[in-house]
Amino acid sequence: MSIREDIRTVFTKDPAARSTLEVICCYPGLHAIWAHRIAHAFYCRRLYFPARLVSHISRALTGIEIHPGAKIGRRVFIDHGSGVVIGETAEVGDDVLIYMGVVLGGTALEQTKRHPTIEDGVVIGSGASVLGPITVGRGAKIGAGSVVVRPVPPGATVVGVPGRLAGPKCRKGQERLDRGDLPDPMLRVVSRMLDRQNRIDERLRAVERSGLVGGKRQEEIALEESVRAALREVIDPEVGIDVVDLGLVKGITVQDSSVLVEMVLTTAACPLVDYLSDQVRSRVLDVSGVRDVEVRVLDEPWDWDRFFAQRDILGEP
């Protein structure tokens, strides 16, 4: 544990660092760590008042509050730092990266272990709160704004409020927290449910096409196939793929000569909603036997997995 090691840590974890002088003078996270070492030395010798005084002065200068009793490991880097709070019984391992606004807080009023233990190599995103005497396992990542109140396994990724496991153990080379590419566990569950429903719909449609139903329903099935073929002529101009292969067509319902087309959009605020709806309506009306068309845009999420799932169903390369 040395000043040189601390400076090397800044260069390793912050690409904005340009010079040693800049790191020494302009990094409040580094200043807070140095001040904490002095305060912690007083605290270990039961000199509680000077310990708290040093901590208080450090907080006033850096915006980072680290209780003198907290145990901080080597090569810990607090990036930007403002708003970071680390409680008395918190333990932070080596090589931990903490962004601004992080709280390592307690959930009890008793003088016991009431703050979290952060193991080596953990990354905690901006504004995240880790509360209670829980352990965040080695190499775990906590997304920005998350509130974590349960233990986190080593290598896991946690996002959301309350924090949910969103990813397995990190693969080698992906240990850094990419805050712009964090998984959304709820969207993943909904997408999987929708994909499963799509597969069930396709299997049901295959049963209907097999001739197990007859009469009028067979005519509606034939008309539905004609409508689906016509919709392949509607191209999404943003991606150059037709709306069927793109997975935007959620369902086609035929009743007599009336057709209901249910669609989802690639984004909730797609500017092409009117254009695509008009194109779909126009193509369907051109199909022989269709008199009425309703285009209904559903409020459901879409992602590229639906496009690849649709290609798998259709057996396309």
Protein backbone atom coordinates (compact mmCIF):
# COMPACT_ATOMS: atom_id res chain seq x y z
CA MET A 1 0.00 0.00 0.00
CA SER A 2 1.77 3.13 -1.23
CA ILE A 3 1.12 6.47 -2.84
CA ARG A 4 2.74 5.25 -6.06
CA GLU A 5 0.41 2.26 -6.14
CA ASP A 6 -2.58 4.55 -5.64
CA ILE A 7 -1.47 6.76 -8.52
CA ARG A 8 -0.93 3.74 -10.79
CA THR A 9 -4.45 2.61 -9.88
CA VAL A 10 -5.88 5.91 -11.11
CA PHE A 11 -4.08 5.58 -14.44
CA THR A 12 -5.35 1.99 -14.75
CA LYS A 13 -9.00 2.76 -14.05
CA ASP A 14 -9.46 6.26 -15.45
CA PRO A 15 -8.46 6.88 -19.09
CA ALA A 16 -8.96 10.61 -18.50
CA ALA A 17 -5.88 10.79 -16.26
CA ARG A 18 -3.06 12.59 -18.11
CA SER A 19 -0.24 13.28 -15.66
CA THR A 20 0.94 12.38 -12.18
CA LEU A 21 0.63 15.98 -11.03
CA GLU A 22 -2.96 16.08 -12.23
CA VAL A 23 -3.75 12.84 -10.38
CA ILE A 24 -2.19 14.08 -7.14
CA CYS A 25 -3.93 17.45 -7.21
CA CYS A 26 -7.27 16.88 -8.91
CA TYR A 27 -8.66 13.50 -7.85
CA PRO A 28 -10.93 13.83 -4.78
CA GLY A 29 -11.43 10.07 -4.67
CA LEU A 30 -7.71 9.67 -4.12
CA HIS A 31 -7.62 12.41 -1.50
CA ALA A 32 -10.50 10.72 0.35
CA ILE A 33 -8.63 7.39 0.42
CA TRP A 34 -5.48 9.05 1.77
CA ALA A 35 -7.43 10.97 4.43
CA HIS A 36 -9.25 7.79 5.41
CA ARG A 37 -5.97 5.98 6.06
CA ILE A 38 -5.03 8.69 8.56
CA ALA A 39 -8.49 8.63 10.15
CA HIS A 40 -8.52 4.82 10.30
CA ALA A 41 -5.12 4.81 12.04
CA PHE A 42 -6.55 7.12 14.74
CA TYR A 43 -9.66 4.93 14.97
CA CYS A 44 -7.63 1.75 15.47
CA ARG A 45 -5.84 3.46 18.38
CA ARG A 46 -9.24 4.39 19.89
CA LEU A 47 -8.61 8.08 19.17
CA TYR A 48 -12.16 8.48 17.97
CA PHE A 49 -12.45 12.27 18.00
CA PRO A 50 -9.39 13.03 15.83
CA ALA A 51 -10.48 10.15 13.60
CA ARG A 52 -13.90 11.68 13.07
CA LEU A 53 -12.40 15.15 12.69
CA VAL A 54 -10.11 14.03 9.88
CA SER A 55 -13.02 12.21 8.26
CA HIS A 56 -15.21 15.28 8.58
CA ILE A 57 -12.60 17.58 7.01
CA SER A 58 -12.11 15.07 4.20
CA ARG A 59 -15.85 15.00 3.53
CA ALA A 60 -15.96 18.80 3.40
CA LEU A 61 -13.12 18.91 0.88
CA THR A 62 -13.99 15.92 -1.31
CA GLY A 63 -17.73 15.29 -0.90
CA ILE A 64 -16.89 11.69 0.05
CA GLU A 65 -17.83 10.40 3.51
CA ILE A 66 -15.91 7.37 4.71
CA HIS A 67 -16.35 6.46 8.36
CA PRO A 68 -12.98 6.02 10.08
CA GLY A 69 -13.97 2.50 11.14
CA ALA A 70 -14.49 1.27 7.57
CA LYS A 71 -11.86 -1.10 6.20
CA ILE A 72 -10.64 -0.16 2.74
CA GLY A 73 -8.39 -2.48 0.72
CA ARG A 74 -5.58 -1.73 -1.70
CA ARG A 75 -6.00 -0.16 -5.13
CA VAL A 76 -9.54 0.96 -4.37
CA PHE A 77 -10.54 3.78 -6.71
CA ILE A 78 -13.44 6.17 -6.17
CA ASP A 79 -14.15 7.82 -9.52
CA HIS A 80 -15.46 11.41 -9.29
CA GLY A 81 -16.57 10.53 -5.79
CA SER A 82 -19.11 13.15 -4.89
CA GLY A 83 -21.89 11.70 -2.74
CA VAL A 84 -20.14 8.45 -1.85
CA VAL A 85 -20.93 7.25 1.69
CA ILE A 86 -19.19 4.27 3.30
CA GLY A 87 -20.41 3.19 6.73
CA GLU A 88 -18.52 2.27 9.89
CA THR A 89 -18.53 -1.53 9.60
CA ALA A 90 -18.20 -1.68 5.81
CA GLU A 91 -15.32 -3.71 4.40
CA VAL A 92 -14.04 -3.02 0.90
CA GLY A 93 -11.60 -5.45 -0.68
CA ASP A 94 -8.76 -4.85 -3.12
CA ASP A 95 -9.17 -3.47 -6.65
CA VAL A 96 -12.73 -2.26 -6.08
CA LEU A 97 -14.05 0.49 -8.36
CA ILE A 98 -16.69 2.81 -6.92
CA TYR A 99 -18.47 5.53 -8.89
CA MET A 100 -20.11 8.70 -7.60
CA GLY A 101 -23.15 8.55 -5.33
CA VAL A 102 -22.55 5.01 -4.08
CA VAL A 103 -23.81 4.22 -0.57
CA LEU A 104 -22.52 1.30 1.48
CA GLY A 105 -25.08 1.70 4.22
CA GLY A 106 -26.44 -0.08 7.25
CA THR A 107 -29.93 -1.31 8.05
CA ALA A 108 -29.66 -1.74 11.84
CA LEU A 109 -29.20 0.54 14.82
CA GLU A 110 -27.22 -1.92 16.95
CA GLN A 111 -23.44 -1.63 17.24
CA THR A 112 -22.79 -4.80 15.29
CA LYS A 113 -21.71 -5.62 11.77
CA ARG A 114 -24.41 -3.69 9.88
CA HIS A 115 -22.72 -2.58 6.65
CA PRO A 116 -21.82 -4.62 3.56
CA THR A 117 -18.65 -6.50 2.73
CA ILE A 118 -17.39 -5.83 -0.77
CA GLU A 119 -14.96 -8.46 -1.97
CA ASP A 120 -12.05 -7.96 -4.37
CA GLY A 121 -12.58 -6.69 -7.89
CA VAL A 122 -16.18 -5.51 -7.49
CA VAL A 123 -17.48 -2.63 -9.62
CA ILE A 124 -20.32 -0.50 -8.21
CA GLY A 125 -22.09 1.86 -10.62
CA SER A 126 -23.16 5.45 -10.00
CA GLY A 127 -25.88 5.98 -7.45
CA ALA A 128 -26.07 2.34 -6.35
CA SER A 129 -26.88 1.51 -2.74
CA VAL A 130 -25.67 -1.65 -1.04
CA LEU A 131 -27.43 -1.98 2.29
CA GLY A 132 -27.02 -4.25 5.28
CA PRO A 133 -24.42 -6.80 6.40
CA ILE A 134 -24.43 -8.63 3.08
CA THR A 135 -21.51 -9.79 0.98
CA VAL A 136 -20.95 -8.79 -2.63
CA GLY A 137 -18.86 -11.57 -4.11
CA ARG A 138 -15.52 -11.23 -5.83
CA GLY A 139 -15.71 -9.68 -9.29
CA ALA A 140 -19.42 -8.87 -9.13
CA LYS A 141 -20.88 -5.84 -10.90
CA ILE A 142 -23.69 -3.64 -9.61
CA GLY A 143 -25.51 -1.47 -12.12
CA ALA A 144 -26.06 2.27 -11.69
CA GLY A 145 -28.96 3.17 -9.45
CA SER A 146 -29.44 -0.36 -8.13
CA VAL A 147 -30.49 -1.03 -4.54
CA VAL A 148 -28.92 -4.25 -3.32
CA VAL A 149 -30.16 -5.78 -0.05
CA ARG A 150 -29.28 -9.45 -0.63
CA PRO A 151 -25.92 -11.20 -1.00
CA VAL A 152 -24.47 -11.18 -4.50
CA PRO A 153 -22.62 -14.28 -5.76
CA PRO A 154 -19.08 -13.88 -7.09
CA GLY A 155 -18.96 -12.66 -10.67
CA ALA A 156 -22.67 -11.89 -10.92
CA THR A 157 -24.25 -8.75 -12.38
CA VAL A 158 -27.03 -7.08 -10.41
CA VAL A 159 -29.35 -4.35 -11.69
CA GLY A 160 -32.63 -2.77 -10.68
CA VAL A 161 -34.58 -1.81 -7.59
CA PRO A 162 -34.49 -4.05 -5.69
CA GLY A 163 -31.36 -5.53 -7.24
CA ARG A 164 -31.90 -8.64 -9.32
CA LEU A 165 -29.36 -11.02 -10.75
CA ALA A 166 -29.16 -10.16 -14.43
CA GLY A 167 -26.14 -12.04 -15.59
CA PRO A 168 -23.95 -15.03 -14.84
CA LYS A 169 -20.31 -15.03 -14.03
CA CYS A 170 -18.40 -12.55 -16.16
CA ARG A 171 -16.40 -13.95 -19.01
CA LYS A 172 -12.71 -13.22 -19.05
CA GLY A 173 -12.05 -9.83 -20.53
CA GLN A 174 -15.48 -8.47 -19.63
CA GLU A 175 -14.80 -7.65 -16.00
CA ARG A 176 -15.39 -3.94 -16.48
CA LEU A 177 -18.84 -2.52 -15.92
CA ASP A 178 -20.26 -1.36 -19.24
CA ARG A 179 -23.12 0.77 -17.95
CA GLY A 180 -24.52 1.23 -21.43
CA ASP A 181 -24.89 -2.49 -22.02
CA LEU A 182 -26.42 -3.84 -18.87
CA PRO A 183 -29.07 -6.52 -19.31
CA ASP A 184 -32.66 -5.84 -18.33
CA PRO A 185 -33.95 -8.97 -16.54
CA MET A 186 -37.62 -7.99 -16.79
CA LEU A 187 -37.41 -7.26 -20.52
CA ARG A 188 -35.63 -10.58 -20.98
CA VAL A 189 -38.43 -12.48 -19.23
CA VAL A 190 -41.15 -10.71 -21.20
CA SER A 191 -39.31 -11.29 -24.49
CA ARG A 192 -38.95 -15.00 -23.74
CA MET A 193 -42.64 -15.26 -22.91
CA LEU A 194 -43.54 -13.52 -26.17
CA ASP A 195 -41.21 -15.76 -28.15
CA ARG A 196 -42.77 -18.83 -26.56
CA GLN A 197 -46.23 -17.53 -27.45
CA ASN A 198 -45.08 -16.96 -31.03
CA ARG A 199 -43.84 -20.54 -31.28
CA ILE A 200 -47.14 -21.85 -29.93
CA ASP A 201 -49.03 -19.70 -32.45
CA GLU A 202 -46.93 -21.08 -35.29
CA ARG A 203 -47.52 -24.69 -34.15
CA LEU A 204 -51.28 -24.02 -33.92
CA ARG A 205 -51.25 -22.50 -37.38
CA ALA A 206 -49.43 -25.56 -38.70
CA VAL A 207 -52.09 -27.82 -37.19
CA GLU A 208 -54.80 -25.76 -38.84
CA ARG A 209 -53.03 -25.90 -42.20
CA SER A 210 -52.73 -29.68 -41.93
CA GLY A 211 -56.43 -30.07 -42.70
CA LEU A 212 -57.62 -31.13 -39.26
CA VAL A 213 -60.17 -28.31 -39.45
CA GLY A 214 -62.46 -27.86 -42.39
CA GLY A 215 -65.20 -25.87 -44.02
CA LYS A 216 -65.28 -22.14 -43.47
CA ARG A 217 -62.21 -22.16 -41.21
CA GLN A 218 -60.11 -23.58 -44.05
CA GLU A 219 -61.11 -20.63 -46.20
CA GLU A 220 -60.09 -18.21 -43.46
CA ILE A 221 -56.74 -19.99 -43.08
CA ALA A 222 -56.12 -19.68 -46.80
CA LEU A 223 -57.02 -15.98 -46.65
CA GLU A 224 -54.70 -15.50 -43.67
CA GLU A 225 -51.82 -17.02 -45.64
CA SER A 226 -52.56 -14.67 -48.52
CA VAL A 227 -52.53 -11.71 -46.14
CA ARG A 228 -49.23 -12.85 -44.62
CA ALA A 229 -47.70 -13.14 -48.09
CA ALA A 230 -48.94 -9.66 -48.97
CA LEU A 231 -47.39 -8.22 -45.81
CA ARG A 232 -43.99 -9.44 -46.95
CA GLU A 233 -44.14 -6.59 -49.45
CA VAL A 234 -44.18 -4.02 -46.63
CA ILE A 235 -40.58 -3.07 -45.91
CA ASP A 236 -39.44 -1.26 -42.77
CA PRO A 237 -37.34 1.55 -44.33
CA GLU A 238 -35.19 1.86 -41.23
CA VAL A 239 -33.74 -1.67 -41.47
CA GLY A 240 -34.70 -2.75 -45.01
CA ILE A 241 -36.49 -5.92 -43.87
CA ASP A 242 -40.14 -6.77 -44.38
CA VAL A 243 -42.41 -6.54 -41.35
CA VAL A 244 -43.09 -10.29 -41.27
CA ASP A 245 -39.47 -11.41 -41.17
CA LEU A 246 -38.68 -8.57 -38.79
CA GLY A 247 -41.20 -10.00 -36.33
CA LEU A 248 -43.37 -6.89 -36.27
CA VAL A 249 -46.51 -8.80 -37.18
CA LYS A 250 -47.73 -10.22 -33.92
CA GLY A 251 -50.91 -11.83 -35.22
CA ILE A 252 -53.36 -12.01 -38.11
CA THR A 253 -57.00 -12.77 -37.37
CA VAL A 254 -59.47 -13.43 -40.18
CA GLN A 255 -63.20 -13.51 -39.70
CA ASP A 256 -65.26 -13.77 -42.87
CA SER A 257 -63.87 -10.94 -45.03
CA SER A 258 -62.52 -8.86 -42.11
CA VAL A 259 -58.87 -8.92 -41.15
CA LEU A 260 -57.21 -7.78 -37.92
CA VAL A 261 -53.43 -7.26 -38.07
CA GLU A 262 -51.70 -6.87 -34.70
CA MET A 263 -48.23 -5.32 -34.79
CA VAL A 264 -45.43 -4.36 -32.44
CA LEU A 265 -42.84 -1.67 -33.14
CA THR A 266 -39.07 -1.68 -32.87
CA THR A 267 -39.30 1.28 -30.49
CA ALA A 268 -42.18 2.63 -28.43
CA ALA A 269 -41.89 6.02 -30.12
CA CYS A 270 -41.31 4.77 -33.66
CA PRO A 271 -41.80 7.73 -36.02
CA LEU A 272 -42.91 5.35 -38.78
CA VAL A 273 -45.98 4.03 -37.01
CA ASP A 274 -48.43 5.85 -39.31
CA TYR A 275 -46.45 4.96 -42.44
CA LEU A 276 -46.23 1.26 -41.56
CA SER A 277 -49.88 1.11 -40.53
CA ASP A 278 -50.98 2.68 -43.83
CA GLN A 279 -48.74 0.37 -45.85
CA VAL A 280 -50.06 -2.71 -44.03
CA ARG A 281 -53.66 -1.60 -44.47
CA SER A 282 -53.14 -0.89 -48.16
CA ARG A 283 -51.46 -4.23 -48.91
CA VAL A 284 -54.09 -6.23 -47.06
CA LEU A 285 -56.96 -4.49 -48.87
CA ASP A 286 -55.36 -5.56 -52.16
CA VAL A 287 -55.79 -9.21 -51.19
CA SER A 288 -58.75 -10.83 -52.92
CA GLY A 289 -61.61 -11.53 -50.52
CA VAL A 290 -60.68 -8.85 -47.97
CA ARG A 291 -63.15 -6.03 -47.38
CA ASP A 292 -62.26 -4.60 -43.99
CA VAL A 293 -58.85 -4.18 -42.33
CA GLU A 294 -57.95 -3.08 -38.83
CA VAL A 295 -54.32 -2.46 -37.91
CA ARG A 296 -53.70 -2.54 -34.17
CA VAL A 297 -50.31 -1.47 -32.76
CA LEU A 298 -49.60 -3.29 -29.47
CA ASP A 299 -47.72 -1.82 -26.56
CA GLU A 300 -45.21 -4.67 -26.29
CA PRO A 301 -41.40 -4.66 -26.32
CA TRP A 302 -39.50 -5.83 -29.39
CA ASP A 303 -35.87 -6.79 -29.78
CA TRP A 304 -33.66 -8.47 -32.33
CA ASP A 305 -34.22 -11.88 -30.67
CA ARG A 306 -37.73 -11.81 -32.14
CA PHE A 307 -36.27 -11.28 -35.61
CA PHE A 308 -33.90 -14.23 -35.23
CA ALA A 309 -36.69 -16.36 -33.69
CA GLN A 310 -38.93 -15.61 -36.66
CA ARG A 311 -36.15 -16.67 -39.03
CA ASP A 312 -35.72 -19.91 -37.09
CA ILE A 313 -39.44 -20.65 -37.38
CA LEU A 314 -39.40 -20.01 -41.10
CA GLY A 315 -36.22 -22.05 -41.55
CA GLU A 316 -34.39 -19.21 -43.23
CA PRO A 317 -30.59 -18.93 -43.12
